[in-house]
Structures are given as structure tokens and as C-alpha cells.
C-alpha atoms as a PDB file:
ATOM      1  CA  UNK A   1     102.247  91.524 109.461  1.00  0.00           C
ATOM      2  CA  UNK A   2     104.367  88.937 110.685  1.00  0.00           C
ATOM      3  CA  UNK A   3     107.291  86.797 110.518  1.00  0.00           C
ATOM      4  CA  UNK A   4     106.960  82.994 111.949  1.00  0.00           C
ATOM      5  CA  UNK A   5     110.291  80.893 112.095  1.00  0.00           C
ATOM      6  CA  UNK A   6     110.426  77.615 111.656  1.00  0.00           C
ATOM      7  CA  UNK A   7     113.533  77.074 114.060  1.00  0.00           C
ATOM      8  CA  UNK A   8     113.551  79.042 117.380  1.00  0.00           C
ATOM      9  CA  UNK A   9     117.566  79.291 116.998  1.00  0.00           C
ATOM     10  CA  UNK A  10     117.841  80.522 113.529  1.00  0.00           C
ATOM     11  CA  UNK A  11     118.152  84.518 113.633  1.00  0.00           C
ATOM     12  CA  UNK A  12     116.312  87.173 111.739  1.00  0.00           C
ATOM     13  CA  UNK A  13     118.445  88.610 109.446  1.00  0.00           C
ATOM     14  CA  UNK A  14     118.426  92.687 109.591  1.00  0.00           C
ATOM     15  CA  UNK A  15     117.575  92.195 105.803  1.00  0.00           C
ATOM     16  CA  UNK A  16     113.862  90.948 106.934  1.00  0.00           C
ATOM     17  CA  UNK A  17     113.657  93.696 108.978  1.00  0.00           C
ATOM     18  CA  UNK A  18     113.647  95.623 105.632  1.00  0.00           C
ATOM     19  CA  UNK A  19     111.484  93.970 104.181  1.00  0.00           C
ATOM     20  CA  UNK A  20     109.301  94.050 107.286  1.00  0.00           C
ATOM     21  CA  UNK A  21     109.636  97.779 107.198  1.00  0.00           C
ATOM     22  CA  UNK A  22     108.242  97.862 103.637  1.00  0.00           C
ATOM     23  CA  UNK A  23     104.756  96.328 105.157  1.00  0.00           C
ATOM     24  CA  UNK A  24     103.944  93.897 102.269  1.00  0.00           C
ATOM     25  CA  UNK A  25     100.014  93.325 101.029  1.00  0.00           C
ATOM     26  CA  UNK A  26      97.833  90.727  99.023  1.00  0.00           C
ATOM     27  CA  UNK A  27      96.417  92.524  96.813  1.00  0.00           C
ATOM     28  CA  UNK A  28      93.411  90.228  96.142  1.00  0.00           C
ATOM     29  CA  UNK A  29      90.317  92.167  94.145  1.00  0.00           C
ATOM     30  CA  UNK A  30      91.166  95.446  95.206  1.00  0.00           C
ATOM     31  CA  UNK A  31      91.107  94.167  98.633  1.00  0.00           C
ATOM     32  CA  UNK A  32      94.822  94.156 100.457  1.00  0.00           C
ATOM     33  CA  UNK A  33      95.945  92.081 103.840  1.00  0.00           C
ATOM     34  CA  UNK A  34      99.079  92.020 105.424  1.00  0.00           C
ATOM     35  CA  UNK A  35     101.504  89.291 103.647  1.00  0.00           C
ATOM     36  CA  UNK A  36     102.276  86.747 106.885  1.00  0.00           C
ATOM     37  CA  UNK A  37     106.211  85.909 105.897  1.00  0.00           C
ATOM     38  CA  UNK A  38     107.794  82.172 107.180  1.00  0.00           C
ATOM     39  CA  UNK A  39     111.172  82.419 107.824  1.00  0.00           C
ATOM     40  CA  UNK A  40     112.706  78.940 106.209  1.00  0.00           C
ATOM     41  CA  UNK A  41     116.324  78.194 105.384  1.00  0.00           C
ATOM     42  CA  UNK A  42     117.191  82.568 104.984  1.00  0.00           C
ATOM     43  CA  UNK A  43     114.916  83.489 102.837  1.00  0.00           C
ATOM     44  CA  UNK A  44     111.607  84.075 103.514  1.00  0.00           C
ATOM     45  CA  UNK A  45     108.116  82.465 102.001  1.00  0.00           C
ATOM     46  CA  UNK A  46     104.710  83.911 101.588  1.00  0.00           C
ATOM     47  CA  UNK A  47     101.917  81.574  99.923  1.00  0.00           C
ATOM     48  CA  UNK A  48      98.983  82.429  98.194  1.00  0.00           C
ATOM     49  CA  UNK A  49      96.832  80.217  99.906  1.00  0.00           C
ATOM     50  CA  UNK A  50      93.466  80.827  97.959  1.00  0.00           C
ATOM     51  CA  UNK A  51      92.477  80.139  94.060  1.00  0.00           C
ATOM     52  CA  UNK A  52      92.457  84.049  93.076  1.00  0.00           C
ATOM     53  CA  UNK A  53      95.661  85.733  91.952  1.00  0.00           C
ATOM     54  CA  UNK A  54      97.104  87.977  94.031  1.00  0.00           C
ATOM     55  CA  UNK A  55      98.900  91.024  93.764  1.00  0.00           C
ATOM     56  CA  UNK A  56     102.221  91.103  96.622  1.00  0.00           C
ATOM     57  CA  UNK A  57     102.982  95.164  97.099  1.00  0.00           C
ATOM     58  CA  UNK A  58     105.225  96.949  96.515  1.00  0.00           C
ATOM     59  CA  UNK A  59     107.168  93.995  95.441  1.00  0.00           C
ATOM     60  CA  UNK A  60     105.013  94.314  92.170  1.00  0.00           C
ATOM     61  CA  UNK A  61     104.993  90.105  91.989  1.00  0.00           C
ATOM     62  CA  UNK A  62     101.459  88.223  91.129  1.00  0.00           C
ATOM     63  CA  UNK A  63     101.139  85.218  92.542  1.00  0.00           C
ATOM     64  CA  UNK A  64      98.317  82.305  91.681  1.00  0.00           C
ATOM     65  CA  UNK A  65      96.628  80.315  93.743  1.00  0.00           C
ATOM     66  CA  UNK A  66      99.382  78.103  95.566  1.00  0.00           C
ATOM     67  CA  UNK A  67     102.113  79.518  94.126  1.00  0.00           C
ATOM     68  CA  UNK A  68     105.090  80.977  96.751  1.00  0.00           C
ATOM     69  CA  UNK A  69     106.821  83.605  96.927  1.00  0.00           C
ATOM     70  CA  UNK A  70     110.628  83.212  97.737  1.00  0.00           C
ATOM     71  CA  UNK A  71     112.580  86.454  99.121  1.00  0.00           C
ATOM     72  CA  UNK A  72     116.303  86.697  99.774  1.00  0.00           C
ATOM     73  CA  UNK A  73     119.393  88.785 100.335  1.00  0.00           C
ATOM     74  CA  UNK A  74     122.777  87.182  99.645  1.00  0.00           C
ATOM     75  CA  UNK A  75     126.078  89.122 101.253  1.00  0.00           C
ATOM     76  CA  UNK A  76     127.715  91.358  99.013  1.00  0.00           C
ATOM     77  CA  UNK A  77     123.739  91.885  97.093  1.00  0.00           C
ATOM     78  CA  UNK A  78     122.697  94.961  96.653  1.00  0.00           C
ATOM     79  CA  UNK A  79     119.057  93.729  95.458  1.00  0.00           C
ATOM     80  CA  UNK A  80     116.735  91.347  96.765  1.00  0.00           C
ATOM     81  CA  UNK A  81     115.918  88.010  95.520  1.00  0.00           C
ATOM     82  CA  UNK A  82     112.825  86.908  94.269  1.00  0.00           C
ATOM     83  CA  UNK A  83     111.270  83.584  93.545  1.00  0.00           C
ATOM     84  CA  UNK A  84     108.122  82.340  92.726  1.00  0.00           C
ATOM     85  CA  UNK A  85     107.692  78.657  92.489  1.00  0.00           C
END
């Protein structure tokens, strides 16, 4: 499980550490692989680059092929914001 940042000057927020600690897996046909998050503009992004659906655990989000999951945490909120694009 890794985080890639697009800008070297963009600090990694503490909520990203919590997301990383959750050890998210992309489950496709019963086979799980580590989610590789990309940090872009204050959001953690993961795109299902395959054709088959993936279930992102422990978040419980299903992504079809080509869909992107964006995770963010806004100051003052007590939970993550999840968007499927």
C-alpha cells in the first residue's frame, strides 16, 4: 500500500495516515490487492484500471472498471467524504 503525491511540496495530511493504516484492499473475484492511493489536491484517489468491478474494503465501495474513488476529510468533519467518479 503506497501513497503517491503529484507535487513534492504537498504535505501529507494526518487523515491520510489513518486511511493508510486501514490497509484498504481492492477485491476482484475474491482476490484482494493493496490499494495504491494517489494524493491530488487534498484528496486520495484510486482508479479501478481493470474491466471487472472491485470492492474497496473496508470502505465498502464498489467501483466499475474505469471509475475513480476520491476520499477526503474536511477540517471540522468527523468522517471521510467518499466520491465515485
